Each structure stands twice: as C-alpha cells, then as structure tokens.
Amino acid sequence: MKILLPIAAVVIASFASIRPGDPLTNTKWDGANGLVVHFTKSDTVKLLVEDKMVAAALYKVQDSLLVWRDFIKSPSTCDTSIRGKYIYKIKEDILTFRVLSDRCEDRANIIQTFVLIKK
C-alpha cells in the first residue's frame, strides 16, 4: 500500500498536464509563405518563418473556441491586453479560424485567412 500511493501520485501528475479536448496543444501547422504555427505544450503559440519567430501569443482552448492574446510587443502585434476569440475547425488535418470577436482588426484579418495543414 505504501508503494502504491507514490506510484499513483506520479501517474496522476503525469496526466495533469494533458488538456482533454484540446487538439491544438503540442502541434505544428504549415501555412502559406513558409509560415509554421506551433502550439506548444504550454499555453504559447509561436508563429515562425524560416525558423525565426515573427510573433508569439498566449492561447486557451475550450471546445471549439480559441482565445488568443499577443504577449510580445512589436510593430506587427496588437496591444498585449487585447484578447481575440476565434472558432477553430479541424477537418482532415486542415485548421481554419473564424473570428468571433477581436478588437485588433489587423490580427483578426490575418488569423481568419489562415489555412494551416498539420505537420
């Protein structure tokens, strides 16, 4: 019994980091013009071109809703306090987005044009 408790704790802890119902975590997607969108194991999404990060954001997924918030301030990103909400859809390894709400029009216009293919 004393041995089973530590083993059970390790098993539970190892599953705690998995997000049930989140098909984006720890995935990479190819886009147009060499864009790679990487949803990391944590809550970060990185946009890369030629292996160089061009943008990064925090994201949360609940059902088919994705909440996106830029966290690296640059001329090509939105105010880091503005959150965008998107409906995402994965069909046959193709990821697309539809804007639900986003006060950052530039970001919304770009994300809703993404057609990403799973790597």
Protein backbone atom coordinates (compact mmCIF):
# COMPACT_ATOMS: atom_id res chain seq x y z
CA MET A 1 0.00 0.00 0.00
CA LYS A 2 2.83 2.40 0.85
CA ILE A 3 4.35 1.79 -2.59
CA LEU A 4 1.06 2.26 -4.46
CA LEU A 5 0.45 5.79 -3.17
CA PRO A 6 3.66 7.32 -4.64
CA ILE A 7 3.12 5.45 -7.92
CA ALA A 8 -0.46 6.70 -8.13
CA ALA A 9 0.70 10.27 -7.43
CA VAL A 10 3.26 10.10 -10.25
CA VAL A 11 0.68 8.75 -12.69
CA ILE A 12 -1.86 11.45 -11.78
CA ALA A 13 0.78 14.18 -12.04
CA SER A 14 1.87 12.99 -15.47
CA PHE A 15 -1.70 13.23 -16.78
CA ALA A 16 -2.37 16.61 -15.17
CA SER A 17 -0.52 18.48 -17.92
CA ILE A 18 -2.63 16.93 -20.70
CA ARG A 19 -5.51 19.15 -21.78
CA PRO A 20 -8.50 16.96 -22.52
CA GLY A 21 -10.40 18.05 -25.59
CA ASP A 22 -7.56 20.27 -26.82
CA PRO A 23 -6.36 19.03 -30.21
CA LEU A 24 -4.01 22.01 -30.67
CA THR A 25 -1.56 21.54 -27.78
CA ASN A 26 1.86 20.36 -28.93
CA THR A 27 1.05 20.53 -32.66
CA LYS A 28 2.68 22.26 -35.64
CA TRP A 29 0.89 23.53 -38.73
CA ASP A 30 2.21 24.71 -42.10
CA GLY A 31 0.79 27.84 -43.66
CA ALA A 32 1.41 29.98 -46.72
CA ASN A 33 4.81 31.54 -47.49
CA GLY A 34 6.75 29.25 -45.16
CA LEU A 35 4.72 30.08 -42.06
CA VAL A 36 4.76 27.48 -39.28
CA VAL A 37 2.31 27.83 -36.40
CA HIS A 38 3.41 25.91 -33.32
CA PHE A 39 1.02 25.43 -30.42
CA THR A 40 3.45 24.47 -27.66
CA LYS A 41 2.98 22.05 -24.77
CA SER A 42 2.27 25.04 -22.55
CA ASP A 43 -0.08 27.92 -23.38
CA THR A 44 2.07 29.57 -26.05
CA VAL A 45 1.57 29.68 -29.80
CA LYS A 46 4.59 30.67 -31.89
CA LEU A 47 4.49 31.88 -35.48
CA LEU A 48 7.73 31.09 -37.31
CA VAL A 49 9.07 31.90 -40.76
CA GLU A 50 12.34 30.23 -41.77
CA ASP A 51 12.74 29.04 -38.16
CA LYS A 52 12.62 32.65 -36.87
CA MET A 53 9.86 33.66 -34.51
CA VAL A 54 7.84 36.52 -36.00
CA ALA A 55 5.08 36.56 -33.36
CA ALA A 56 4.02 34.77 -30.21
CA ALA A 57 0.84 34.70 -28.20
CA LEU A 58 -0.82 33.06 -25.26
CA TYR A 59 -3.76 30.84 -26.11
CA LYS A 60 -6.51 28.93 -24.38
CA VAL A 61 -8.81 26.33 -25.91
CA GLN A 62 -12.26 25.36 -24.75
CA ASP A 63 -14.32 23.14 -27.02
CA SER A 64 -14.01 24.82 -30.44
CA LEU A 65 -13.19 28.27 -29.01
CA LEU A 66 -9.66 29.65 -29.11
CA VAL A 67 -8.71 32.74 -27.10
CA TRP A 68 -5.56 34.46 -28.43
CA ARG A 69 -3.55 37.25 -26.76
CA ASP A 70 -0.28 38.59 -28.15
CA PHE A 71 2.42 38.78 -25.50
CA ILE A 72 5.46 40.04 -27.35
CA LYS A 73 5.17 43.74 -28.09
CA SER A 74 6.25 44.65 -31.61
CA PRO A 75 5.05 46.80 -34.51
CA SER A 76 3.33 43.75 -36.03
CA THR A 77 1.38 42.73 -32.90
CA CYS A 78 -1.64 44.02 -31.08
CA ASP A 79 -1.80 45.60 -27.66
CA THR A 80 -0.96 42.76 -25.28
CA SER A 81 -4.13 43.37 -23.24
CA ILE A 82 -6.50 42.72 -26.18
CA ARG A 83 -7.88 39.20 -26.44
CA GLY A 84 -9.28 37.77 -29.61
CA LYS A 85 -11.83 34.98 -29.65
CA TYR A 86 -11.98 32.60 -32.59
CA ILE A 87 -13.89 29.50 -33.53
CA TYR A 88 -11.42 26.97 -34.88
CA LYS A 89 -12.16 23.97 -37.05
CA ILE A 90 -10.00 20.98 -37.89
CA LYS A 91 -11.13 18.93 -40.85
CA GLU A 92 -8.89 16.32 -42.46
CA ASP A 93 -5.74 17.83 -40.85
CA ILE A 94 -6.61 21.36 -42.05
CA LEU A 95 -7.01 24.06 -39.39
CA THR A 96 -9.06 27.19 -40.06
CA PHE A 97 -10.37 30.04 -37.92
CA ARG A 98 -13.44 32.25 -37.86
CA VAL A 99 -13.40 35.48 -35.86
CA LEU A 100 -15.90 35.55 -33.03
CA SER A 101 -14.63 38.82 -31.55
CA ASP A 102 -11.36 40.72 -31.67
CA ARG A 103 -10.84 44.47 -31.22
CA CYS A 104 -7.50 44.11 -33.02
CA GLU A 105 -8.68 44.18 -36.62
CA ASP A 106 -5.23 43.55 -38.13
CA ARG A 107 -4.80 40.32 -36.18
CA ALA A 108 -8.38 39.21 -36.88
CA ASN A 109 -7.95 39.81 -40.61
CA ILE A 110 -4.77 37.73 -40.68
CA ILE A 111 -5.88 34.83 -38.47
CA GLN A 112 -9.17 34.35 -40.31
CA THR A 113 -7.24 33.85 -43.56
CA PHE A 114 -5.07 31.06 -42.13
CA VAL A 115 -5.45 27.68 -43.81
CA LEU A 116 -2.99 25.53 -41.91
CA ILE A 117 -2.00 21.95 -42.68
CA LYS A 118 -0.92 19.67 -39.85
CA LYS A 119 2.76 18.66 -39.95
